[in-house]
PDB file of all heavy atoms in Angstrom:
ATOM      1  N   GLU A   1       0.834  -1.188   0.000  1.00  0.00           N
ATOM      2  CA  GLU A   1       0.000   0.000   0.000  1.00  0.00           C
ATOM      3  C   GLU A   1       0.876   1.248   0.000  1.00  0.00           C
ATOM      4  O   GLU A   1       2.028   1.221   0.457  1.00  0.00           O
ATOM      5  CB  GLU A   1      -0.903   0.054   1.244  1.00  0.00           C
ATOM      6  CG  GLU A   1      -1.993  -0.989   1.287  1.00  0.00           C
ATOM      7  CD  GLU A   1      -2.898  -0.808   2.504  1.00  0.00           C
ATOM      8  OE1 GLU A   1      -2.539   0.010   3.384  1.00  0.00           O
ATOM      9  OE2 GLU A   1      -3.940  -1.467   2.575  1.00  0.00           O
ATOM     10  N   LEU A   2       0.326   2.329  -0.527  1.00  0.00           N
ATOM     11  CA  LEU A   2       0.953   3.640  -0.461  1.00  0.00           C
ATOM     12  C   LEU A   2      -0.126   4.621  -0.017  1.00  0.00           C
ATOM     13  O   LEU A   2      -1.267   4.543  -0.466  1.00  0.00           O
ATOM     14  CB  LEU A   2       1.511   4.038  -1.827  1.00  0.00           C
ATOM     15  CG  LEU A   2       2.190   5.402  -1.967  1.00  0.00           C
ATOM     16  CD1 LEU A   2       3.265   5.342  -3.052  1.00  0.00           C
ATOM     17  CD2 LEU A   2       1.193   6.512  -2.323  1.00  0.00           C
ATOM     18  N   GLU A   3       0.239   5.543   0.889  1.00  0.00           N
ATOM     19  CA  GLU A   3      -0.748   6.484   1.385  1.00  0.00           C
ATOM     20  C   GLU A   3      -0.178   7.897   1.400  1.00  0.00           C
ATOM     21  O   GLU A   3       0.966   8.120   1.791  1.00  0.00           O
ATOM     22  CB  GLU A   3      -1.199   6.099   2.796  1.00  0.00           C
ATOM     23  CG  GLU A   3      -2.416   6.866   3.282  1.00  0.00           C
ATOM     24  CD  GLU A   3      -2.984   6.294   4.573  1.00  0.00           C
ATOM     25  OE1 GLU A   3      -2.228   5.632   5.307  1.00  0.00           O
ATOM     26  OE2 GLU A   3      -4.183   6.518   4.833  1.00  0.00           O
ATOM     27  N   MET A   4      -0.982   8.850   0.944  1.00  0.00           N
ATOM     28  CA  MET A   4      -0.635  10.264   0.992  1.00  0.00           C
ATOM     29  C   MET A   4      -1.577  10.939   1.983  1.00  0.00           C
ATOM     30  O   MET A   4      -2.793  10.981   1.787  1.00  0.00           O
ATOM     31  CB  MET A   4      -0.789  10.891  -0.394  1.00  0.00           C
ATOM     32  CG  MET A   4      -0.319  12.330  -0.484  1.00  0.00           C
ATOM     33  SD  MET A   4      -0.624  13.024  -2.147  1.00  0.00           S
ATOM     34  CE  MET A   4       0.460  11.991  -3.122  1.00  0.00           C
ATOM     35  N   VAL A   5      -1.030  11.432   3.090  1.00  0.00           N
ATOM     36  CA  VAL A   5      -1.837  12.020   4.161  1.00  0.00           C
ATOM     37  C   VAL A   5      -1.117  13.258   4.701  1.00  0.00           C
ATOM     38  O   VAL A   5      -0.021  13.596   4.261  1.00  0.00           O
ATOM     39  CB  VAL A   5      -2.075  11.018   5.314  1.00  0.00           C
ATOM     40  CG1 VAL A   5      -2.948   9.861   4.864  1.00  0.00           C
ATOM     41  CG2 VAL A   5      -0.734  10.488   5.838  1.00  0.00           C
ATOM     42  N   THR A   6      -1.727  13.918   5.674  1.00  0.00           N
ATOM     43  CA  THR A   6      -1.053  15.043   6.302  1.00  0.00           C
ATOM     44  C   THR A   6      -0.084  14.540   7.366  1.00  0.00           C
ATOM     45  O   THR A   6      -0.339  13.541   8.047  1.00  0.00           O
ATOM     46  CB  THR A   6      -2.058  16.014   6.945  1.00  0.00           C
ATOM     47  OG1 THR A   6      -1.336  17.063   7.594  1.00  0.00           O
ATOM     48  CG2 THR A   6      -2.941  15.323   7.965  1.00  0.00           C
ATOM     49  N   GLU A   7       1.041  15.212   7.502  1.00  0.00           N
ATOM     50  CA  GLU A   7       2.008  14.853   8.549  1.00  0.00           C
ATOM     51  C   GLU A   7       1.832  15.736   9.771  1.00  0.00           C
ATOM     52  O   GLU A   7       2.493  15.555  10.780  1.00  0.00           O
ATOM     53  CB  GLU A   7       3.436  14.986   8.009  1.00  0.00           C
ATOM     54  CG  GLU A   7       3.830  16.412   7.654  1.00  0.00           C
ATOM     55  CD  GLU A   7       5.240  16.512   7.101  1.00  0.00           C
ATOM     56  OE1 GLU A   7       5.726  15.525   6.532  1.00  0.00           O
ATOM     57  OE2 GLU A   7       5.836  17.578   7.251  1.00  0.00           O
ATOM     58  N   ASP A   8       0.923  16.709   9.679  1.00  0.00           N
ATOM     59  CA  ASP A   8       0.698  17.653  10.771  1.00  0.00           C
ATOM     60  C   ASP A   8      -0.757  17.533  11.215  1.00  0.00           C
ATOM     61  O   ASP A   8      -1.673  17.970  10.535  1.00  0.00           O
ATOM     62  CB  ASP A   8       0.989  19.069  10.280  1.00  0.00           C
ATOM     63  CG  ASP A   8       0.718  20.126  11.347  1.00  0.00           C
ATOM     64  OD1 ASP A   8       0.460  19.726  12.509  1.00  0.00           O
ATOM     65  OD2 ASP A   8       0.743  21.313  11.023  1.00  0.00           O
ATOM     66  N   GLU A   9      -0.992  16.927  12.364  1.00  0.00           N
ATOM     67  CA  GLU A   9      -2.361  16.703  12.843  1.00  0.00           C
ATOM     68  C   GLU A   9      -2.804  17.745  13.866  1.00  0.00           C
ATOM     69  O   GLU A   9      -3.762  17.550  14.592  1.00  0.00           O
ATOM     70  CB  GLU A   9      -2.479  15.301  13.453  1.00  0.00           C
ATOM     71  CG  GLU A   9      -2.414  14.185  12.429  1.00  0.00           C
ATOM     72  CD  GLU A   9      -3.591  14.194  11.455  1.00  0.00           C
ATOM     73  OE1 GLU A   9      -4.594  14.863  11.746  1.00  0.00           O
ATOM     74  OE2 GLU A   9      -3.504  13.546  10.409  1.00  0.00           O
ATOM     75  N   THR A  10      -2.097  18.864  13.941  1.00  0.00           N
ATOM     76  CA  THR A  10      -2.522  19.913  14.871  1.00  0.00           C
ATOM     77  C   THR A  10      -3.770  20.602  14.337  1.00  0.00           C
ATOM     78  O   THR A  10      -4.115  20.489  13.162  1.00  0.00           O
ATOM     79  CB  THR A  10      -1.413  20.960  15.051  1.00  0.00           C
ATOM     80  OG1 THR A  10      -1.233  21.656  13.807  1.00  0.00           O
ATOM     81  CG2 THR A  10      -0.107  20.318  15.471  1.00  0.00           C
ATOM     82  N   ASP A  11      -4.442  21.327  15.188  1.00  0.00           N
ATOM     83  CA  ASP A  11      -5.654  22.036  14.800  1.00  0.00           C
ATOM     84  C   ASP A  11      -5.407  23.531  14.655  1.00  0.00           C
ATOM     85  O   ASP A  11      -6.320  24.336  14.753  1.00  0.00           O
ATOM     86  CB  ASP A  11      -6.757  21.798  15.841  1.00  0.00           C
ATOM     87  CG  ASP A  11      -7.212  20.351  15.873  1.00  0.00           C
ATOM     88  OD1 ASP A  11      -7.246  19.724  14.802  1.00  0.00           O
ATOM     89  OD2 ASP A  11      -7.537  19.874  16.962  1.00  0.00           O
ATOM     90  N   THR A  12      -4.171  23.907  14.370  1.00  0.00           N
ATOM     91  CA  THR A  12      -3.838  25.328  14.328  1.00  0.00           C
ATOM     92  C   THR A  12      -4.534  26.052  13.184  1.00  0.00           C
ATOM     93  O   THR A  12      -4.860  27.222  13.298  1.00  0.00           O
ATOM     94  CB  THR A  12      -2.319  25.519  14.186  1.00  0.00           C
ATOM     95  OG1 THR A  12      -1.871  24.792  13.032  1.00  0.00           O
ATOM     96  CG2 THR A  12      -1.604  25.001  15.419  1.00  0.00           C
ATOM     97  N   ASP A  13      -4.781  25.372  12.064  1.00  0.00           N
ATOM     98  CA  ASP A  13      -5.418  26.046  10.944  1.00  0.00           C
ATOM     99  C   ASP A  13      -6.822  25.532  10.677  1.00  0.00           C
ATOM    100  O   ASP A  13      -7.541  26.096   9.868  1.00  0.00           O
ATOM    101  CB  ASP A  13      -4.577  25.906   9.661  1.00  0.00           C
ATOM    102  CG  ASP A  13      -4.212  24.458   9.380  1.00  0.00           C
ATOM    103  OD1 ASP A  13      -5.023  23.582   9.705  1.00  0.00           O
ATOM    104  OD2 ASP A  13      -3.134  24.213   8.827  1.00  0.00           O
ATOM    105  N   GLY A  14      -7.215  24.458  11.336  1.00  0.00           N
ATOM    106  CA  GLY A  14      -8.555  23.929  11.171  1.00  0.00           C
ATOM    107  C   GLY A  14      -8.806  23.257   9.850  1.00  0.00           C
ATOM    108  O   GLY A  14      -9.933  22.891   9.540  1.00  0.00           O
ATOM    109  N   SER A  15      -7.780  23.054   9.022  1.00  0.00           N
ATOM    110  CA  SER A  15      -7.977  22.468   7.708  1.00  0.00           C
ATOM    111  C   SER A  15      -6.927  21.402   7.435  1.00  0.00           C
ATOM    112  O   SER A  15      -5.741  21.706   7.349  1.00  0.00           O
ATOM    113  CB  SER A  15      -7.904  23.555   6.625  1.00  0.00           C
ATOM    114  OG  SER A  15      -7.888  22.976   5.344  1.00  0.00           O
ATOM    115  N   ARG A  16      -7.359  20.167   7.320  1.00  0.00           N
ATOM    116  CA  ARG A  16      -6.408  19.096   6.991  1.00  0.00           C
ATOM    117  C   ARG A  16      -5.767  19.326   5.626  1.00  0.00           C
ATOM    118  O   ARG A  16      -4.589  19.051   5.420  1.00  0.00           O
ATOM    119  CB  ARG A  16      -7.129  17.745   7.004  1.00  0.00           C
ATOM    120  CG  ARG A  16      -7.402  17.156   8.379  1.00  0.00           C
ATOM    121  CD  ARG A  16      -8.021  15.765   8.213  1.00  0.00           C
ATOM    122  NE  ARG A  16      -8.015  14.996   9.449  1.00  0.00           N
ATOM    123  CZ  ARG A  16      -9.049  14.918  10.278  1.00  0.00           C
ATOM    124  NH1 ARG A  16     -10.161  15.593   9.998  1.00  0.00           N
ATOM    125  NH2 ARG A  16      -8.976  14.193  11.372  1.00  0.00           N
ATOM    126  N   LEU A  17      -6.548  19.812   4.662  1.00  0.00           N
ATOM    127  CA  LEU A  17      -6.053  19.980   3.305  1.00  0.00           C
ATOM    128  C   LEU A  17      -4.976  21.056   3.191  1.00  0.00           C
ATOM    129  O   LEU A  17      -4.228  21.092   2.217  1.00  0.00           O
ATOM    130  CB  LEU A  17      -7.212  20.320   2.364  1.00  0.00           C
ATOM    131  CG  LEU A  17      -8.210  19.191   2.094  1.00  0.00           C
ATOM    132  CD1 LEU A  17      -9.433  19.731   1.362  1.00  0.00           C
ATOM    133  CD2 LEU A  17      -7.563  18.063   1.299  1.00  0.00           C
ATOM    134  N   ALA A  18      -4.875  21.939   4.197  1.00  0.00           N
ATOM    135  CA  ALA A  18      -3.878  23.007   4.152  1.00  0.00           C
ATOM    136  C   ALA A  18      -2.566  22.603   4.812  1.00  0.00           C
ATOM    137  O   ALA A  18      -1.627  23.406   4.849  1.00  0.00           O
ATOM    138  CB  ALA A  18      -4.428  24.263   4.833  1.00  0.00           C
ATOM    139  N   ARG A  19      -2.492  21.389   5.308  1.00  0.00           N
ATOM    140  CA  ARG A  19      -1.286  20.964   6.035  1.00  0.00           C
ATOM    141  C   ARG A  19      -0.274  20.316   5.098  1.00  0.00           C
ATOM    142  O   ARG A  19      -0.544  20.065   3.933  1.00  0.00           O
ATOM    143  CB  ARG A  19      -1.680  19.998   7.154  1.00  0.00           C
ATOM    144  CG  ARG A  19      -2.597  20.655   8.176  1.00  0.00           C
ATOM    145  CD  ARG A  19      -3.180  19.647   9.153  1.00  0.00           C
ATOM    146  NE  ARG A  19      -4.236  20.279   9.961  1.00  0.00           N
ATOM    147  CZ  ARG A  19      -5.127  19.626  10.663  1.00  0.00           C
ATOM    148  NH1 ARG A  19      -5.125  18.300  10.665  1.00  0.00           N
ATOM    149  NH2 ARG A  19      -6.037  20.283  11.357  1.00  0.00           N
ATOM    150  N   LYS A  20       0.884  20.042   5.644  1.00  0.00           N
ATOM    151  CA  LYS A  20       1.945  19.418   4.863  1.00  0.00           C
ATOM    152  C   LYS A  20       1.608  17.959   4.566  1.00  0.00           C
ATOM    153  O   LYS A  20       0.841  17.325   5.271  1.00  0.00           O
ATOM    154  CB  LYS A  20       3.275  19.513   5.613  1.00  0.00           C
ATOM    155  CG  LYS A  20       3.795  20.939   5.752  1.00  0.00           C
ATOM    156  CD  LYS A  20       5.130  20.960   6.459  1.00  0.00           C
ATOM    157  CE  LYS A  20       5.663  22.379   6.573  1.00  0.00           C
ATOM    158  NZ  LYS A  20       6.978  22.420   7.264  1.00  0.00           N
ATOM    159  N   THR A  21       2.222  17.459   3.509  1.00  0.00           N
ATOM    160  CA  THR A  21       1.922  16.119   3.012  1.00  0.00           C
ATOM    161  C   THR A  21       2.985  15.119   3.445  1.00  0.00           C
ATOM    162  O   THR A  21       4.180  15.403   3.387  1.00  0.00           O
ATOM    163  CB  THR A  21       1.845  16.128   1.478  1.00  0.00           C
ATOM    164  OG1 THR A  21       0.903  17.108   1.067  1.00  0.00           O
ATOM    165  CG2 THR A  21       1.420  14.771   0.938  1.00  0.00           C
ATOM    166  N   SER A  22       2.522  13.956   3.862  1.00  0.00           N
ATOM    167  CA  SER A  22       3.421  12.853   4.174  1.00  0.00           C
ATOM    168  C   SER A  22       3.117  11.706   3.219  1.00  0.00           C
ATOM    169  O   SER A  22       1.951  11.399   2.942  1.00  0.00           O
ATOM    170  CB  SER A  22       3.218  12.391   5.619  1.00  0.00           C
ATOM    171  OG  SER A  22       4.052  11.280   5.910  1.00  0.00           O
ATOM    172  N   LEU A  23       4.163  11.084   2.713  1.00  0.00           N
ATOM    173  CA  LEU A  23       4.019   9.949   1.808  1.00  0.00           C
ATOM    174  C   LEU A  23       4.491   8.694   2.533  1.00  0.00           C
ATOM    175  O   LEU A  23       5.659   8.582   2.899  1.00  0.00           O
ATOM    176  CB  LEU A  23       4.842  10.184   0.539  1.00  0.00           C
ATOM    177  CG  LEU A  23       4.499   9.346  -0.691  1.00  0.00           C
ATOM    178  CD1 LEU A  23       3.058   9.575  -1.126  1.00  0.00           C
ATOM    179  CD2 LEU A  23       5.445   9.690  -1.836  1.00  0.00           C
ATOM    180  N   ARG A  24       3.562   7.786   2.772  1.00  0.00           N
ATOM    181  CA  ARG A  24       3.880   6.540   3.481  1.00  0.00           C
ATOM    182  C   ARG A  24       3.889   5.390   2.488  1.00  0.00           C
ATOM    183  O   ARG A  24       2.871   5.051   1.897  1.00  0.00           O
ATOM    184  CB  ARG A  24       2.844   6.289   4.575  1.00  0.00           C
ATOM    185  CG  ARG A  24       2.765   7.410   5.611  1.00  0.00           C
ATOM    186  CD  ARG A  24       1.593   7.226   6.554  1.00  0.00           C
ATOM    187  NE  ARG A  24       1.465   8.345   7.487  1.00  0.00           N
ATOM    188  CZ  ARG A  24       0.426   8.529   8.300  1.00  0.00           C
ATOM    189  NH1 ARG A  24      -0.580   7.648   8.293  1.00  0.00           N
ATOM    190  NH2 ARG A  24       0.384   9.581   9.104  1.00  0.00           N
ATOM    191  N   GLY A  25       5.053   4.812   2.312  1.00  0.00           N
ATOM    192  CA  GLY A  25       5.204   3.748   1.333  1.00  0.00           C
ATOM    193  C   GLY A  25       5.777   4.285   0.038  1.00  0.00           C
ATOM    194  O   GLY A  25       6.093   5.480  -0.091  1.00  0.00           O
ATOM    195  N   SER A  26       5.909   3.425  -0.948  1.00  0.00           N
ATOM    196  CA  SER A  26       6.468   3.817  -2.243  1.00  0.00           C
ATOM    197  C   SER A  26       5.817   2.987  -3.335  1.00  0.00           C
ATOM    198  O   SER A  26       5.181   1.961  -3.070  1.00  0.00           O
ATOM    199  CB  SER A  26       7.991   3.609  -2.258  1.00  0.00           C
ATOM    200  OG  SER A  26       8.302   2.247  -2.003  1.00  0.00           O
ATOM    201  N   VAL A  27       5.975   3.459  -4.561  1.00  0.00           N
ATOM    202  CA  VAL A  27       5.426   2.729  -5.704  1.00  0.00           C
ATOM    203  C   VAL A  27       6.316   1.529  -5.979  1.00  0.00           C
ATOM    204  O   VAL A  27       7.512   1.684  -6.224  1.00  0.00           O
ATOM    205  CB  VAL A  27       5.352   3.625  -6.947  1.00  0.00           C
ATOM    206  CG1 VAL A  27       4.769   2.847  -8.126  1.00  0.00           C
ATOM    207  CG2 VAL A  27       4.533   4.872  -6.662  1.00  0.00           C
ATOM    208  N   PRO A  28       5.776   0.308  -5.940  1.00  0.00           N
ATOM    209  CA  PRO A  28       6.609  -0.867  -6.195  1.00  0.00           C
ATOM    210  C   PRO A  28       6.910  -1.030  -7.681  1.00  0.00           C
ATOM    211  O   PRO A  28       6.195  -0.481  -8.538  1.00  0.00           O
ATOM    212  CB  PRO A  28       5.739  -2.028  -5.691  1.00  0.00           C
ATOM    213  CG  PRO A  28       4.335  -1.536  -5.873  1.00  0.00           C
ATOM    214  CD  PRO A  28       4.381  -0.045  -5.616  1.00  0.00           C
ATOM    215  N   ASP A  29       7.959  -1.761  -7.985  1.00  0.00           N
ATOM    216  CA  ASP A  29       8.241  -2.150  -9.370  1.00  0.00           C
ATOM    217  C   ASP A  29       7.347  -3.348  -9.677  1.00  0.00           C
ATOM    218  O   ASP A  29       7.713  -4.503  -9.454  1.00  0.00           O
ATOM    219  CB  ASP A  29       9.718  -2.511  -9.527  1.00  0.00           C
ATOM    220  CG  ASP A  29      10.092  -2.829 -10.968  1.00  0.00           C
ATOM    221  OD1 ASP A  29       9.172  -3.110 -11.774  1.00  0.00           O
ATOM    222  OD2 ASP A  29      11.289  -2.817 -11.294  1.00  0.00           O
ATOM    223  N   LEU A  30       6.160  -3.066 -10.180  1.00  0.00           N
ATOM    224  CA  LEU A  30       5.139  -4.106 -10.320  1.00  0.00           C
ATOM    225  C   LEU A  30       5.554  -5.201 -11.297  1.00  0.00           C
ATOM    226  O   LEU A  30       5.261  -6.380 -11.073  1.00  0.00           O
ATOM    227  CB  LEU A  30       3.819  -3.481 -10.757  1.00  0.00           C
ATOM    228  CG  LEU A  30       3.152  -2.580  -9.706  1.00  0.00           C
ATOM    229  CD1 LEU A  30       1.980  -1.832 -10.312  1.00  0.00           C
ATOM    230  CD2 LEU A  30       2.699  -3.404  -8.513  1.00  0.00           C
ATOM    231  N   ASP A  31       6.210  -4.833 -12.392  1.00  0.00           N
ATOM    232  CA  ASP A  31       6.626  -5.853 -13.358  1.00  0.00           C
ATOM    233  C   ASP A  31       7.561  -6.871 -12.718  1.00  0.00           C
ATOM    234  O   ASP A  31       7.472  -8.070 -12.976  1.00  0.00           O
ATOM    235  CB  ASP A  31       7.316  -5.199 -14.560  1.00  0.00           C
ATOM    236  CG  ASP A  31       6.337  -4.467 -15.460  1.00  0.00           C
ATOM    237  OD1 ASP A  31       5.125  -4.722 -15.335  1.00  0.00           O
ATOM    238  OD2 ASP A  31       6.776  -3.636 -16.275  1.00  0.00           O
ATOM    239  N   SER A  32       8.457  -6.380 -11.862  1.00  0.00           N
ATOM    240  CA  SER A  32       9.405  -7.273 -11.206  1.00  0.00           C
ATOM    241  C   SER A  32       8.769  -8.032 -10.050  1.00  0.00           C
ATOM    242  O   SER A  32       8.875  -9.257  -9.948  1.00  0.00           O
ATOM    243  CB  SER A  32      10.609  -6.466 -10.707  1.00  0.00           C
ATOM    244  OG  SER A  32      11.479  -7.268  -9.938  1.00  0.00           O
ATOM    245  N   GLU A  33       8.064  -7.288  -9.168  1.00  0.00           N
ATOM    246  CA  GLU A  33       7.557  -7.908  -7.948  1.00  0.00           C
ATOM    247  C   GLU A  33       6.362  -8.815  -8.194  1.00  0.00           C
ATOM    248  O   GLU A  33       6.043  -9.663  -7.356  1.00  0.00           O
ATOM    249  CB  GLU A  33       7.226  -6.825  -6.928  1.00  0.00           C
ATOM    250  CG  GLU A  33       8.456  -6.021  -6.505  1.00  0.00           C
ATOM    251  CD  GLU A  33       8.209  -5.166  -5.285  1.00  0.00           C
ATOM    252  OE1 GLU A  33       7.587  -5.682  -4.337  1.00  0.00           O
ATOM    253  OE2 GLU A  33       8.635  -3.995  -5.287  1.00  0.00           O
ATOM    254  N   CYS A  34       5.669  -8.638  -9.311  1.00  0.00           N
ATOM    255  CA  CYS A  34       4.539  -9.515  -9.619  1.00  0.00           C
ATOM    256  C   CYS A  34       4.918 -10.632 -10.592  1.00  0.00           C
ATOM    257  O   CYS A  34       4.058 -11.402 -11.025  1.00  0.00           O
ATOM    258  CB  CYS A  34       3.379  -8.711 -10.211  1.00  0.00           C
ATOM    259  SG  CYS A  34       2.584  -7.600  -9.036  1.00  0.00           S
ATOM    260  N   SER A  35       6.205 -10.719 -10.950  1.00  0.00           N
ATOM    261  CA  SER A  35       6.612 -11.691 -11.963  1.00  0.00           C
ATOM    262  C   SER A  35       6.401 -13.128 -11.523  1.00  0.00           C
ATOM    263  O   SER A  35       6.125 -14.001 -12.337  1.00  0.00           O
ATOM    264  CB  SER A  35       8.084 -11.476 -12.341  1.00  0.00           C
ATOM    265  OG  SER A  35       8.923 -11.643 -11.201  1.00  0.00           O
ATOM    266  N   ASP A  36       6.504 -13.389 -10.191  1.00  0.00           N
ATOM    267  CA  ASP A  36       6.295 -14.764  -9.726  1.00  0.00           C
ATOM    268  C   ASP A  36       4.860 -15.000  -9.283  1.00  0.00           C
ATOM    269  O   ASP A  36       4.519 -16.082  -8.799  1.00  0.00           O
ATOM    270  CB  ASP A  36       7.260 -15.102  -8.579  1.00  0.00           C
ATOM    271  CG  ASP A  36       7.019 -14.245  -7.345  1.00  0.00           C
ATOM    272  OD1 ASP A  36       6.156 -13.347  -7.404  1.00  0.00           O
ATOM    273  OD2 ASP A  36       7.696 -14.469  -6.323  1.00  0.00           O
ATOM    274  N   GLY A  37       4.015 -13.963  -9.455  1.00  0.00           N
ATOM    275  CA  GLY A  37       2.606 -14.124  -9.121  1.00  0.00           C
ATOM    276  C   GLY A  37       2.326 -14.285  -7.640  1.00  0.00           C
ATOM    277  O   GLY A  37       1.244 -14.719  -7.252  1.00  0.00           O
ATOM    278  N   LEU A  38       3.271 -13.918  -6.769  1.00  0.00           N
ATOM    279  CA  LEU A  38       3.093 -14.064  -5.319  1.00  0.00           C
ATOM    280  C   LEU A  38       2.611 -15.470  -4.972  1.00  0.00           C
ATOM    281  O   LEU A  38       1.587 -15.669  -4.309  1.00  0.00           O
ATOM    282  CB  LEU A  38       2.098 -13.018  -4.786  1.00  0.00           C
ATOM    283  CG  LEU A  38       2.492 -11.548  -4.921  1.00  0.00           C
ATOM    284  CD1 LEU A  38       1.462 -10.662  -4.243  1.00  0.00           C
ATOM    285  CD2 LEU A  38       3.871 -11.280  -4.330  1.00  0.00           C
ATOM    286  N   ALA A  39       3.349 -16.420  -5.466  1.00  0.00           N
ATOM    287  CA  ALA A  39       2.969 -17.833  -5.277  1.00  0.00           C
ATOM    288  C   ALA A  39       2.715 -18.136  -3.805  1.00  0.00           C
ATOM    289  O   ALA A  39       3.446 -17.694  -2.914  1.00  0.00           O
ATOM    290  CB  ALA A  39       4.073 -18.734  -5.812  1.00  0.00           C
ATOM    291  N   GLY A  40       1.641 -18.873  -3.547  1.00  0.00           N
ATOM    292  CA  GLY A  40       1.296 -19.291  -2.188  1.00  0.00           C
ATOM    293  C   GLY A  40       0.351 -18.353  -1.479  1.00  0.00           C
ATOM    294  O   GLY A  40      -0.152 -18.696  -0.394  1.00  0.00           O
ATOM    295  N   ARG A  41       0.077 -17.158  -2.036  1.00  0.00           N
ATOM    296  CA  ARG A  41      -0.843 -16.220  -1.395  1.00  0.00           C
ATOM    297  C   ARG A  41      -2.294 -16.622  -1.668  1.00  0.00           C
ATOM    298  O   ARG A  41      -2.614 -17.221  -2.689  1.00  0.00           O
ATOM    299  CB  ARG A  41      -0.620 -14.804  -1.934  1.00  0.00           C
ATOM    300  CG  ARG A  41       0.768 -14.231  -1.661  1.00  0.00           C
ATOM    301  CD  ARG A  41       0.902 -13.713  -0.239  1.00  0.00           C
ATOM    302  NE  ARG A  41       2.156 -12.986  -0.070  1.00  0.00           N
ATOM    303  CZ  ARG A  41       2.277 -11.675  -0.197  1.00  0.00           C
ATOM    304  NH1 ARG A  41       1.228 -10.942  -0.492  1.00  0.00           N
ATOM    305  NH2 ARG A  41       3.454 -11.105  -0.042  1.00  0.00           N
ATOM    306  N   ASP A  42      -3.162 -16.261  -0.742  1.00  0.00           N
ATOM    307  CA  ASP A  42      -4.590 -16.510  -0.928  1.00  0.00           C
ATOM    308  C   ASP A  42      -5.170 -15.485  -1.894  1.00  0.00           C
ATOM    309  O   ASP A  42      -4.829 -14.298  -1.847  1.00  0.00           O
ATOM    310  CB  ASP A  42      -5.333 -16.435   0.407  1.00  0.00           C
ATOM    311  CG  ASP A  42      -4.956 -17.567   1.348  1.00  0.00           C
ATOM    312  OD1 ASP A  42      -4.572 -18.648   0.830  1.00  0.00           O
ATOM    313  OD2 ASP A  42      -5.035 -17.381   2.575  1.00  0.00           O
ATOM    314  N   ALA A  43      -6.057 -15.938  -2.752  1.00  0.00           N
ATOM    315  CA  ALA A  43      -6.678 -15.053  -3.728  1.00  0.00           C
ATOM    316  C   ALA A  43      -7.760 -14.206  -3.067  1.00  0.00           C
ATOM    317  O   ALA A  43      -8.448 -14.648  -2.147  1.00  0.00           O
ATOM    318  CB  ALA A  43      -7.279 -15.871  -4.870  1.00  0.00           C
TER     319      ALA A  43
END
């Protein structure tokens, strides 16, 4: 998973959308990481 959310949860401005952005996770190399089909995982 990758998530883009605010890194500042204070209520100083009253607006989540006006706060700084935090990026949790990264974009995987799907061609490489899905090449083995995640063998053994439940569908």
